[in-house]
Structures are given as C-alpha cells and as structure tokens.
C-alpha cells in the first residue's frame, strides 16, 4: 500500500493487488492500482486505514473500484476455505495425490467401511499417511456404508454404534487422523431420524476425543420427491434420508455431494448442472451454517453411447451361438475421467462445446453412424463452481475423486501454504 497527498490534504491510498488471478473471482489480477480517496484519513492516520476503508471510502477513477469490498471478501473468504479432495487406492488416484499434495487442504481417503455390527474394516496406505504427516496435511478418512439393511441394523443397535465409535477414536489416535467422514448412502428415507441420531452420537464421542466428524450428504432440494419414477426412487433411498438441519448441528463439516445430476440412469447432461448445483446449495444453506458447508465439485464425467443390445443374455450376437435371446435397448453411460475425455475428443476430432445453461464442458461425435455424448469437468467447469463457493462464503469445496481430474483444474487452485 502506498499513500500520496491530494490538494485537499486527504490521503489517496493506492492498493496494488498481486493476489491470485481473476479466475479466482477477483477483478484486478494485473497489479494495476485501485485508488481510494479517504476523506478524513490523512497520511498521519495510516493506522486507521482499514477503518477508513470500511466506513469512509469514496470510490474514485473507475467503476471497477466499486468491486473492492468484494475483492477484500474474496481474499478473506478464500483464506478460510477448505479444499477437500477424496482419494481411492487406485494407482492414478494415489499418483494424483503425490503430484498435487501442496494444493490439497484436507485429504479424505476411501480406506474404511462399517458393517451392521459396528465393525470398522480397513487400513491406511502407510506411504501416503507418512507423506501427509511430513507435509502437515490433515487426513480424514471415509467410513462407507452403502447398504440400507446393514445401516438399519446398525442404527437399531446401540451397542454396535458404541463399538463403531470407540474404534473410530482408537484408529484416529493410532494414525493421527484429524477425524473421520461418514459416507452413509442407500438409506431408506424412513431411517432419516436414525441417521441424524448416529451423526449426533458419533460427533459427541469424536469431539470428546478432540477429533472432527464430517459427513457426505446427497443433495435433496427442494425437500420432497418429484413426480417422475426416478426422482421418487432417489428420494426414497438417497435424498430423503438427510435431515440437513439436524446433521448440520452435530457435524463439523457437511460435504454436499452435488453430483450426479445426470448419470447412467438418465439421458445425457451435465454431471452437476449450474442451476441444479446452485439451487441445492441455496437449499442446504437454509439449514447448515455456511462455515460448515462444502460444495461438491465432481472431477469426472460420463460418456453416453449405444451399448450391446444382447448384454445380460446368454446369446452371442456375433456367432449366433447360445440360447435364443431378443435384443433390447441398452443406452450406456460410462464413468470417464477428465484426461480420458480429452483423449476421446481428440481421437474423434470432436469440438469441445460450452453448455451455457449447465455451465459445463461437453462434446459429441459419431461412431458407426451413432451419436455419442460426453459431459465432463474441465478447467472452466471446475472454476465456475469454485467461484460459486467463494461468492457464497461457505466453508470450501469437496471433490470426488483424485486421479479423475482434467490436469488443468490445478491451475486455478493456490498452494495450500498461500491459501492460509
């Protein structure tokens, strides 16, 4: 910050901004100066600069100066945001961790699962754990449970819950985890209160041990099922189980899994379209304190194409060998990484398009005279959602999963040390 004297004996302060790029949502990345006329703030009152900015600033010279409060909030908000990344044991996921560790705020590896009796199953990748410890990177593993019957059994047995919670504390202390994240999915909506109870009790035990508890939740705006069969299915076994208000009171962080809007169950479309993402975030903010809420940003995509019409039958359509079977419609949507999506685009000389409504990257091409579609998270798709999280001043973002990303997404993230 520099100061100069104007003819009216008030200080003109020049604030030079050399923060991150405009892609972080900041309007002045070039180092050009914002000039502020500080009425009543003379050079002898430099100590009152911040008070003057907040209370007495008269913006001059350019309309862009009106963005300074947003600029300052973006800096402050980013300093508090969490960049949470999930990791699996797949080699490409582990390699991505090592390559980009400096940009990760919390590592959430998929190392554990729970069963109906409260048994905690799994173990860490000790090499990753040692590396994270050396870099002072918090590690908060997932505990997964994706079986509605097993969850109901666990939620019905207090002794099984006590067993699970005790093992969570024991394992966290043994490996110096910052805590655990619960990833309980495929739960009957009628078990909603049971899930809230488990989260509350787990949080009490973890907090008593000075450990954190977070949870991954399926987005559930507008709070009730729609008219389609798919929407009713999703509400009955996924969306309806999460009482965000109750969960938000107990958990330290709530990772809103704003993915998959479109998938193998739907026609082609964005994995997390803009309006769908925004509306689910706003709905969650009505129940969860914003500092606890993390926006889910998928790192992958889907590839829709015409599949084998005899899939799942015993017939062989090429040789005619096997039992007689009738062909059937089989539209396939395969999971695809950002790198593989780009390679597929290049292979078929497809043109990368920007879905303006969904704010997502996409492309299409013909193979064997049939149209195929790909939606995936490229740099710009990721950036749009990162900016949304920053503007809302929430706790940060959570991204599934390392190893699936377009390498260019790392360009828009600062190093962890610079984000503090």
Protein backbone atom coordinates (compact mmCIF):
# COMPACT_ATOMS: atom_id res chain seq x y z
CA UNK A 1 0.00 0.00 0.00
CA UNK A 2 1.28 3.44 -0.93
CA UNK A 3 -0.01 6.89 0.03
CA UNK A 4 0.11 10.29 -1.63
CA UNK A 5 -1.23 13.73 -0.77
CA UNK A 6 -4.10 15.32 -2.67
CA UNK A 7 -4.84 19.07 -2.80
CA UNK A 8 -7.47 18.76 -0.08
CA UNK A 9 -4.99 17.28 2.41
CA UNK A 10 -6.76 13.94 2.45
CA UNK A 11 -4.77 10.81 1.75
CA UNK A 12 -5.12 8.96 -1.53
CA UNK A 13 -4.20 5.38 -0.85
CA UNK A 14 -3.04 3.11 -3.66
CA UNK A 15 -3.66 -0.58 -3.07
CA UNK A 16 -1.76 -2.79 -5.50
CA UNK A 17 -3.24 -6.24 -5.90
CA UNK A 18 -0.94 -9.11 -6.71
CA UNK A 19 -3.14 -11.93 -5.43
CA UNK A 20 -4.41 -14.84 -7.46
CA UNK A 21 -5.78 -14.48 -10.97
CA UNK A 22 -9.16 -13.10 -11.97
CA UNK A 23 -10.24 -16.72 -12.32
CA UNK A 24 -10.47 -16.90 -8.55
CA UNK A 25 -13.29 -14.35 -8.75
CA UNK A 26 -11.05 -11.31 -8.16
CA UNK A 27 -11.45 -8.47 -10.60
CA UNK A 28 -7.96 -6.95 -10.63
CA UNK A 29 -5.22 -9.55 -11.15
CA UNK A 30 -2.82 -7.40 -13.15
CA UNK A 31 -1.24 -5.37 -10.38
CA UNK A 32 -2.93 -2.16 -11.59
CA UNK A 33 -3.75 0.13 -8.72
CA UNK A 34 -7.05 0.72 -7.01
CA UNK A 35 -7.04 4.40 -5.92
CA UNK A 36 -9.14 5.38 -2.93
CA UNK A 37 -9.87 8.89 -1.74
CA UNK A 38 -10.01 8.58 2.03
CA UNK A 39 -11.95 11.53 3.37
CA UNK A 40 -10.59 12.41 6.80
CA UNK A 41 -7.71 9.94 6.57
CA UNK A 42 -4.55 11.97 6.31
CA UNK A 43 -1.08 10.49 5.96
CA UNK A 44 -0.71 10.87 9.70
CA UNK A 45 -3.57 8.48 10.28
CA UNK A 46 -2.27 5.40 8.47
CA UNK A 47 -3.22 3.26 11.43
CA UNK A 48 -6.86 3.98 10.66
CA UNK A 49 -6.62 2.73 7.08
CA UNK A 50 -8.82 -0.32 7.49
CA UNK A 51 -11.44 1.63 9.43
CA UNK A 52 -11.40 4.20 6.67
CA UNK A 53 -11.89 1.53 4.04
CA UNK A 54 -14.90 0.15 5.84
CA UNK A 55 -16.54 3.39 6.89
CA UNK A 56 -15.35 6.40 4.88
CA UNK A 57 -14.14 5.21 1.45
CA UNK A 58 -15.17 7.34 -1.51
CA UNK A 59 -14.50 5.35 -4.64
CA UNK A 60 -12.83 7.28 -7.50
CA UNK A 61 -11.47 6.97 -11.02
CA UNK A 62 -13.18 3.76 -12.17
CA UNK A 63 -16.38 1.83 -11.69
CA UNK A 64 -14.22 -1.22 -11.08
CA UNK A 65 -13.23 0.25 -7.73
CA UNK A 66 -16.75 -0.49 -6.56
CA UNK A 67 -15.70 -4.13 -6.57
CA UNK A 68 -13.10 -3.58 -3.83
CA UNK A 69 -15.33 -4.83 -0.95
CA UNK A 70 -15.99 -7.99 -2.98
CA UNK A 71 -12.27 -8.22 -3.64
CA UNK A 72 -11.48 -8.00 0.06
CA UNK A 73 -14.18 -10.51 0.97
CA UNK A 74 -12.88 -12.93 -1.63
CA UNK A 75 -9.40 -12.79 -0.11
CA UNK A 76 -10.73 -13.28 3.41
CA UNK A 77 -13.17 -15.99 2.32
CA UNK A 78 -10.54 -17.93 0.39
CA UNK A 79 -8.20 -17.85 3.35
CA UNK A 80 -10.84 -19.76 5.33
CA UNK A 81 -11.98 -22.15 2.60
CA UNK A 82 -11.21 -25.84 2.65
CA UNK A 83 -10.01 -27.65 -0.47
CA UNK A 84 -11.09 -31.20 0.38
CA UNK A 85 -10.16 -33.97 -2.05
CA UNK A 86 -11.18 -37.61 -1.97
CA UNK A 87 -8.68 -40.35 -2.79
CA UNK A 88 -9.10 -44.06 -3.53
CA UNK A 89 -6.49 -46.82 -3.57
CA UNK A 90 -6.44 -46.79 -7.37
CA UNK A 91 -2.90 -46.07 -8.63
CA UNK A 92 -3.96 -43.00 -10.62
CA UNK A 93 -5.65 -41.55 -7.53
CA UNK A 94 -2.57 -42.04 -5.36
CA UNK A 95 -0.32 -40.61 -8.08
CA UNK A 96 -2.51 -37.53 -8.28
CA UNK A 97 -2.20 -37.06 -4.53
CA UNK A 98 1.59 -37.09 -4.68
CA UNK A 99 1.64 -34.72 -7.66
CA UNK A 100 -0.75 -32.16 -6.12
CA UNK A 101 -0.45 -32.56 -2.36
CA UNK A 102 0.54 -28.91 -1.96
CA UNK A 103 -2.87 -27.78 -3.28
CA UNK A 104 -4.96 -30.06 -1.05
CA UNK A 105 -6.41 -28.73 2.21
CA UNK A 106 -7.83 -31.97 3.65
CA UNK A 107 -7.21 -35.45 2.25
CA UNK A 108 -10.19 -37.81 2.58
CA UNK A 109 -9.11 -41.30 1.51
CA UNK A 110 -11.62 -44.11 0.99
CA UNK A 111 -9.91 -46.53 3.37
CA UNK A 112 -12.68 -47.76 5.66
CA UNK A 113 -16.17 -49.21 5.75
CA UNK A 114 -18.55 -50.19 8.52
CA UNK A 115 -20.92 -53.13 8.83
CA UNK A 116 -24.19 -53.82 10.60
CA UNK A 117 -22.44 -54.87 13.83
CA UNK A 118 -20.28 -51.76 14.15
CA UNK A 119 -17.15 -53.42 12.83
CA UNK A 120 -14.72 -50.89 11.34
CA UNK A 121 -12.98 -52.50 8.37
CA UNK A 122 -9.92 -51.18 6.56
CA UNK A 123 -6.43 -49.79 6.91
CA UNK A 124 -4.46 -46.81 5.64
CA UNK A 125 -1.92 -46.54 2.84
CA UNK A 126 1.05 -46.02 5.15
CA UNK A 127 3.19 -44.37 2.48
CA UNK A 128 0.51 -41.77 1.79
CA UNK A 129 -0.09 -41.30 5.51
CA UNK A 130 3.62 -40.69 6.16
CA UNK A 131 3.85 -38.22 3.29
CA UNK A 132 0.80 -36.32 4.51
CA UNK A 133 2.25 -36.18 8.02
CA UNK A 134 5.53 -34.79 6.71
CA UNK A 135 3.63 -32.03 4.90
CA UNK A 136 1.29 -31.40 7.86
CA UNK A 137 -1.73 -32.23 5.71
CA UNK A 138 -4.85 -33.26 7.68
CA UNK A 139 -6.14 -36.73 6.84
CA UNK A 140 -9.80 -37.56 7.49
CA UNK A 141 -10.69 -40.98 6.02
CA UNK A 142 -14.14 -42.02 4.84
CA UNK A 143 -16.17 -44.66 6.60
CA UNK A 144 -18.52 -46.03 3.94
CA UNK A 145 -21.79 -47.91 4.34
CA UNK A 146 -23.99 -48.25 1.24
CA UNK A 147 -26.40 -50.99 2.31
CA UNK A 148 -29.84 -49.95 3.53
CA UNK A 149 -30.42 -53.14 5.53
CA UNK A 150 -26.99 -53.01 7.16
CA UNK A 151 -27.48 -49.37 8.05
CA UNK A 152 -30.88 -50.02 9.61
CA UNK A 153 -29.40 -52.86 11.66
CA UNK A 154 -26.52 -50.65 12.85
CA UNK A 155 -28.87 -47.78 13.66
CA UNK A 156 -31.10 -50.15 15.67
CA UNK A 157 -28.32 -51.41 17.94
CA UNK A 158 -26.79 -49.01 20.47
CA UNK A 159 -24.03 -51.47 21.38
CA UNK A 160 -22.97 -51.75 17.72
CA UNK A 161 -22.82 -47.96 17.48
CA UNK A 162 -20.70 -47.72 20.64
CA UNK A 163 -18.35 -50.32 19.18
CA UNK A 164 -18.02 -48.37 15.95
CA UNK A 165 -17.46 -45.03 17.68
CA UNK A 166 -14.82 -46.48 20.01
CA UNK A 167 -12.95 -47.98 17.07
CA UNK A 168 -13.12 -44.65 15.23
CA UNK A 169 -11.39 -42.91 18.12
CA UNK A 170 -8.86 -45.71 18.52
CA UNK A 171 -7.96 -45.73 14.81
CA UNK A 172 -7.81 -41.95 14.58
CA UNK A 173 -5.42 -41.75 17.52
CA UNK A 174 -3.29 -44.60 16.21
CA UNK A 175 -2.77 -42.98 12.81
CA UNK A 176 -3.13 -39.33 13.89
CA UNK A 177 -6.15 -38.64 11.72
CA UNK A 178 -7.91 -35.32 12.22
CA UNK A 179 -11.16 -37.29 12.36
CA UNK A 180 -13.45 -39.30 10.11
CA UNK A 181 -16.05 -38.60 7.46
CA UNK A 182 -19.22 -40.68 7.38
CA UNK A 183 -20.38 -41.64 3.89
CA UNK A 184 -23.64 -43.48 4.53
CA UNK A 185 -25.77 -43.83 1.39
CA UNK A 186 -28.58 -46.02 0.03
CA UNK A 187 -30.63 -45.44 3.18
CA UNK A 188 -34.41 -45.65 3.42
CA UNK A 189 -35.98 -42.23 3.89
CA UNK A 190 -37.87 -43.69 6.84
CA UNK A 191 -34.50 -44.06 8.63
CA UNK A 192 -33.88 -40.32 8.45
CA UNK A 193 -34.04 -39.76 12.22
CA UNK A 194 -31.82 -42.79 12.81
CA UNK A 195 -29.13 -41.27 10.62
CA UNK A 196 -29.36 -37.94 12.43
CA UNK A 197 -29.04 -39.77 15.75
CA UNK A 198 -25.93 -41.68 14.66
CA UNK A 199 -24.30 -38.46 13.45
CA UNK A 200 -25.09 -36.71 16.73
CA UNK A 201 -23.77 -39.55 18.89
CA UNK A 202 -20.66 -40.04 16.76
CA UNK A 203 -19.93 -36.32 16.96
CA UNK A 204 -20.17 -36.37 20.77
CA UNK A 205 -17.66 -39.20 21.01
CA UNK A 206 -15.28 -37.71 18.47
CA UNK A 207 -15.42 -34.22 19.98
CA UNK A 208 -14.75 -35.62 23.45
CA UNK A 209 -11.54 -37.08 21.98
CA UNK A 210 -10.68 -33.75 20.33
CA UNK A 211 -11.39 -35.19 16.87
CA UNK A 212 -13.54 -33.96 14.00
CA UNK A 213 -16.56 -35.55 12.36
CA UNK A 214 -17.76 -34.70 8.89
CA UNK A 215 -20.41 -36.29 6.70
CA UNK A 216 -21.10 -36.57 2.99
CA UNK A 217 -24.75 -35.90 2.13
CA UNK A 218 -26.78 -36.37 -1.01
CA UNK A 219 -28.34 -33.04 -2.11
CA UNK A 220 -32.09 -33.03 -1.56
CA UNK A 221 -33.62 -29.78 -2.78
CA UNK A 222 -36.49 -28.92 -2.86
CA UNK A 223 -37.10 -31.13 0.18
CA UNK A 224 -39.64 -33.56 -1.28
CA UNK A 225 -39.86 -36.06 -4.18
CA UNK A 226 -41.00 -35.03 -7.64
CA UNK A 227 -43.38 -36.78 -9.97
CA UNK A 228 -41.00 -38.93 -12.00
CA UNK A 229 -40.24 -42.52 -11.08
CA UNK A 230 -36.50 -41.77 -10.96
CA UNK A 231 -36.97 -38.80 -8.64
CA UNK A 232 -39.15 -40.86 -6.32
CA UNK A 233 -36.56 -43.64 -6.28
CA UNK A 234 -33.78 -41.17 -5.49
CA UNK A 235 -35.81 -39.62 -2.67
CA UNK A 236 -36.83 -42.97 -1.19
CA UNK A 237 -33.30 -44.41 -1.00
CA UNK A 238 -30.91 -41.46 -1.18
CA UNK A 239 -32.09 -37.86 -0.83
CA UNK A 240 -34.79 -38.34 1.77
CA UNK A 241 -32.50 -39.72 4.48
CA UNK A 242 -30.63 -36.48 5.19
CA UNK A 243 -32.07 -34.02 7.69
CA UNK A 244 -29.60 -31.25 6.92
CA UNK A 245 -30.60 -29.08 9.86
CA UNK A 246 -30.09 -31.86 12.39
CA UNK A 247 -26.88 -33.06 10.74
CA UNK A 248 -25.54 -29.51 10.49
CA UNK A 249 -25.90 -29.04 14.25
CA UNK A 250 -23.75 -32.08 15.00
CA UNK A 251 -21.13 -32.44 12.30
CA UNK A 252 -18.09 -30.19 11.91
CA UNK A 253 -18.38 -30.25 8.13
CA UNK A 254 -21.12 -31.22 5.70
CA UNK A 255 -19.91 -32.18 2.23
CA UNK A 256 -22.83 -31.62 -0.14
CA UNK A 257 -22.36 -34.17 -2.92
CA UNK A 258 -23.69 -32.04 -5.77
CA UNK A 259 -23.18 -34.86 -8.26
CA UNK A 260 -24.59 -36.83 -10.19
CA UNK A 261 -27.45 -34.86 -11.66
CA UNK A 262 -27.10 -36.89 -14.86
CA UNK A 263 -25.66 -40.40 -14.86
CA UNK A 264 -26.17 -43.91 -16.23
CA UNK A 265 -29.81 -43.65 -15.14
CA UNK A 266 -30.58 -40.53 -17.19
CA UNK A 267 -30.27 -39.04 -20.67
CA UNK A 268 -27.04 -37.13 -21.43
CA UNK A 269 -26.50 -33.97 -19.42
CA UNK A 270 -24.10 -32.24 -17.01
CA UNK A 271 -22.85 -34.23 -14.07
CA UNK A 272 -23.70 -31.16 -11.99
CA UNK A 273 -25.61 -28.57 -13.98
CA UNK A 274 -25.41 -24.95 -12.88
CA UNK A 275 -28.99 -24.31 -11.76
CA UNK A 276 -29.22 -27.75 -10.10
CA UNK A 277 -25.99 -27.10 -8.21
CA UNK A 278 -26.93 -23.56 -7.24
CA UNK A 279 -30.43 -24.47 -6.05
CA UNK A 280 -29.15 -27.39 -3.96
CA UNK A 281 -26.50 -25.15 -2.39
CA UNK A 282 -29.02 -22.45 -1.53
CA UNK A 283 -31.39 -25.04 -0.09
CA UNK A 284 -28.62 -26.51 2.09
CA UNK A 285 -27.65 -23.05 3.31
CA UNK A 286 -31.10 -22.67 4.84
CA UNK A 287 -30.23 -25.50 7.25
CA UNK A 288 -26.43 -25.77 7.56
CA UNK A 289 -24.18 -22.97 8.88
CA UNK A 290 -22.25 -21.70 5.88
CA UNK A 291 -18.87 -22.14 7.54
CA UNK A 292 -19.62 -25.87 7.88
CA UNK A 293 -20.87 -26.40 4.34
CA UNK A 294 -18.65 -27.62 1.49
CA UNK A 295 -19.83 -27.64 -2.13
CA UNK A 296 -19.29 -30.86 -4.04
CA UNK A 297 -17.41 -30.42 -7.34
CA UNK A 298 -17.10 -33.59 -9.44
CA UNK A 299 -13.79 -34.18 -11.20
CA UNK A 300 -15.10 -36.76 -13.67
CA UNK A 301 -17.71 -37.10 -16.38
CA UNK A 302 -19.95 -39.54 -18.22
CA UNK A 303 -19.83 -40.94 -21.75
CA UNK A 304 -23.22 -41.92 -23.24
CA UNK A 305 -23.35 -44.36 -26.16
CA UNK A 306 -25.31 -47.29 -27.63
CA UNK A 307 -24.38 -50.46 -25.77
CA UNK A 308 -24.60 -54.14 -26.57
CA UNK A 309 -28.28 -54.99 -27.28
CA UNK A 310 -27.65 -58.53 -26.02
CA UNK A 311 -25.94 -57.52 -22.78
CA UNK A 312 -27.09 -59.67 -19.87
CA UNK A 313 -28.24 -62.52 -22.10
CA UNK A 314 -26.53 -65.83 -22.91
CA UNK A 315 -26.64 -65.26 -26.66
CA UNK A 316 -23.60 -64.30 -28.70
CA UNK A 317 -24.73 -61.82 -31.34
CA UNK A 318 -21.60 -62.28 -33.43
CA UNK A 319 -21.59 -66.08 -33.85
CA UNK A 320 -25.18 -66.92 -33.09
CA UNK A 321 -24.02 -69.45 -30.50
CA UNK A 322 -26.03 -69.74 -27.33
CA UNK A 323 -29.66 -69.62 -26.26
CA UNK A 324 -32.02 -67.59 -28.37
CA UNK A 325 -32.45 -64.09 -26.99
CA UNK A 326 -34.18 -60.90 -28.04
CA UNK A 327 -32.20 -57.67 -28.38
CA UNK A 328 -33.19 -54.79 -26.16
CA UNK A 329 -32.45 -51.11 -25.80
CA UNK A 330 -29.21 -50.55 -23.95
CA UNK A 331 -28.03 -46.96 -23.71
CA UNK A 332 -24.83 -46.95 -21.69
CA UNK A 333 -23.26 -44.17 -19.61
CA UNK A 334 -19.71 -44.97 -18.60
CA UNK A 335 -17.76 -43.07 -15.97
CA UNK A 336 -14.92 -41.15 -17.69
CA UNK A 337 -12.00 -39.16 -16.31
CA UNK A 338 -11.13 -35.68 -17.50
CA UNK A 339 -7.94 -36.91 -19.16
CA UNK A 340 -9.74 -39.77 -20.93
CA UNK A 341 -12.50 -37.40 -22.07
CA UNK A 342 -9.94 -35.11 -23.67
CA UNK A 343 -8.22 -38.09 -25.34
CA UNK A 344 -11.58 -39.31 -26.69
CA UNK A 345 -12.37 -35.85 -28.03
CA UNK A 346 -9.04 -35.71 -29.82
CA UNK A 347 -9.37 -39.22 -31.20
CA UNK A 348 -12.65 -38.41 -32.96
CA UNK A 349 -11.74 -34.78 -33.76
CA UNK A 350 -14.74 -33.56 -31.76
CA UNK A 351 -15.22 -29.91 -30.93
CA UNK A 352 -15.31 -29.00 -27.25
CA UNK A 353 -18.50 -27.07 -26.50
CA UNK A 354 -19.69 -24.99 -23.57
CA UNK A 355 -23.17 -25.78 -22.31
CA UNK A 356 -24.28 -22.24 -21.45
CA UNK A 357 -27.27 -23.33 -19.40
CA UNK A 358 -25.49 -26.08 -17.48
CA UNK A 359 -22.15 -24.22 -17.44
CA UNK A 360 -20.35 -27.43 -18.25
CA UNK A 361 -17.97 -28.79 -20.88
CA UNK A 362 -19.35 -31.25 -23.40
CA UNK A 363 -18.74 -32.70 -26.83
CA UNK A 364 -20.32 -35.20 -29.19
CA UNK A 365 -19.19 -37.29 -32.12
CA UNK A 366 -20.36 -40.07 -34.40
CA UNK A 367 -19.05 -43.62 -34.23
CA UNK A 368 -20.52 -46.23 -36.55
CA UNK A 369 -23.09 -43.62 -37.55
CA UNK A 370 -24.34 -43.35 -33.97
CA UNK A 371 -24.10 -40.15 -31.93
CA UNK A 372 -22.20 -40.32 -28.61
CA UNK A 373 -22.14 -37.66 -25.90
CA UNK A 374 -19.63 -36.73 -23.20
CA UNK A 375 -20.08 -34.26 -20.35
CA UNK A 376 -17.12 -33.78 -18.02
CA UNK A 377 -15.42 -31.34 -15.66
CA UNK A 378 -12.79 -29.33 -17.47
CA UNK A 379 -10.92 -26.34 -16.08
CA UNK A 380 -13.75 -23.88 -16.72
CA UNK A 381 -16.45 -26.18 -15.34
CA UNK A 382 -14.46 -26.58 -12.14
CA UNK A 383 -13.71 -22.88 -11.94
CA UNK A 384 -17.37 -21.83 -12.24
CA UNK A 385 -18.26 -23.93 -9.20
CA UNK A 386 -15.20 -22.84 -7.24
CA UNK A 387 -16.25 -19.23 -7.77
CA UNK A 388 -19.77 -20.08 -6.62
CA UNK A 389 -18.40 -21.49 -3.37
CA UNK A 390 -16.26 -18.37 -2.89
CA UNK A 391 -19.13 -15.96 -3.56
CA UNK A 392 -21.33 -17.75 -1.04
CA UNK A 393 -18.50 -17.60 1.53
CA UNK A 394 -19.08 -21.21 2.55
CA UNK A 395 -16.52 -23.49 4.18
CA UNK A 396 -14.99 -24.62 0.90
CA UNK A 397 -15.45 -27.43 -1.58
CA UNK A 398 -15.09 -31.22 -1.73
CA UNK A 399 -14.11 -33.03 -4.93
CA UNK A 400 -14.51 -36.65 -5.92
CA UNK A 401 -12.02 -38.00 -6.87
CA UNK A 402 -8.25 -37.56 -7.27
CA UNK A 403 -6.95 -39.20 -10.44
CA UNK A 404 -10.06 -38.43 -12.49
CA UNK A 405 -9.46 -34.70 -12.97
CA UNK A 406 -8.60 -32.69 -16.04
CA UNK A 407 -4.98 -31.71 -15.18
CA UNK A 408 -5.84 -28.09 -15.99
CA UNK A 409 -8.07 -27.73 -12.90
CA UNK A 410 -4.96 -27.45 -10.73
CA UNK A 411 -4.09 -24.20 -12.47
CA UNK A 412 -6.90 -22.35 -10.68
CA UNK A 413 -6.01 -23.51 -7.17
CA UNK A 414 -3.35 -21.90 -4.97
CA UNK A 415 -0.83 -23.85 -2.96
CA UNK A 416 -2.08 -24.72 0.50
CA UNK A 417 0.54 -22.51 2.16
CA UNK A 418 -0.64 -19.49 0.13
CA UNK A 419 -4.32 -20.15 0.86
CA UNK A 420 -3.97 -19.82 4.62
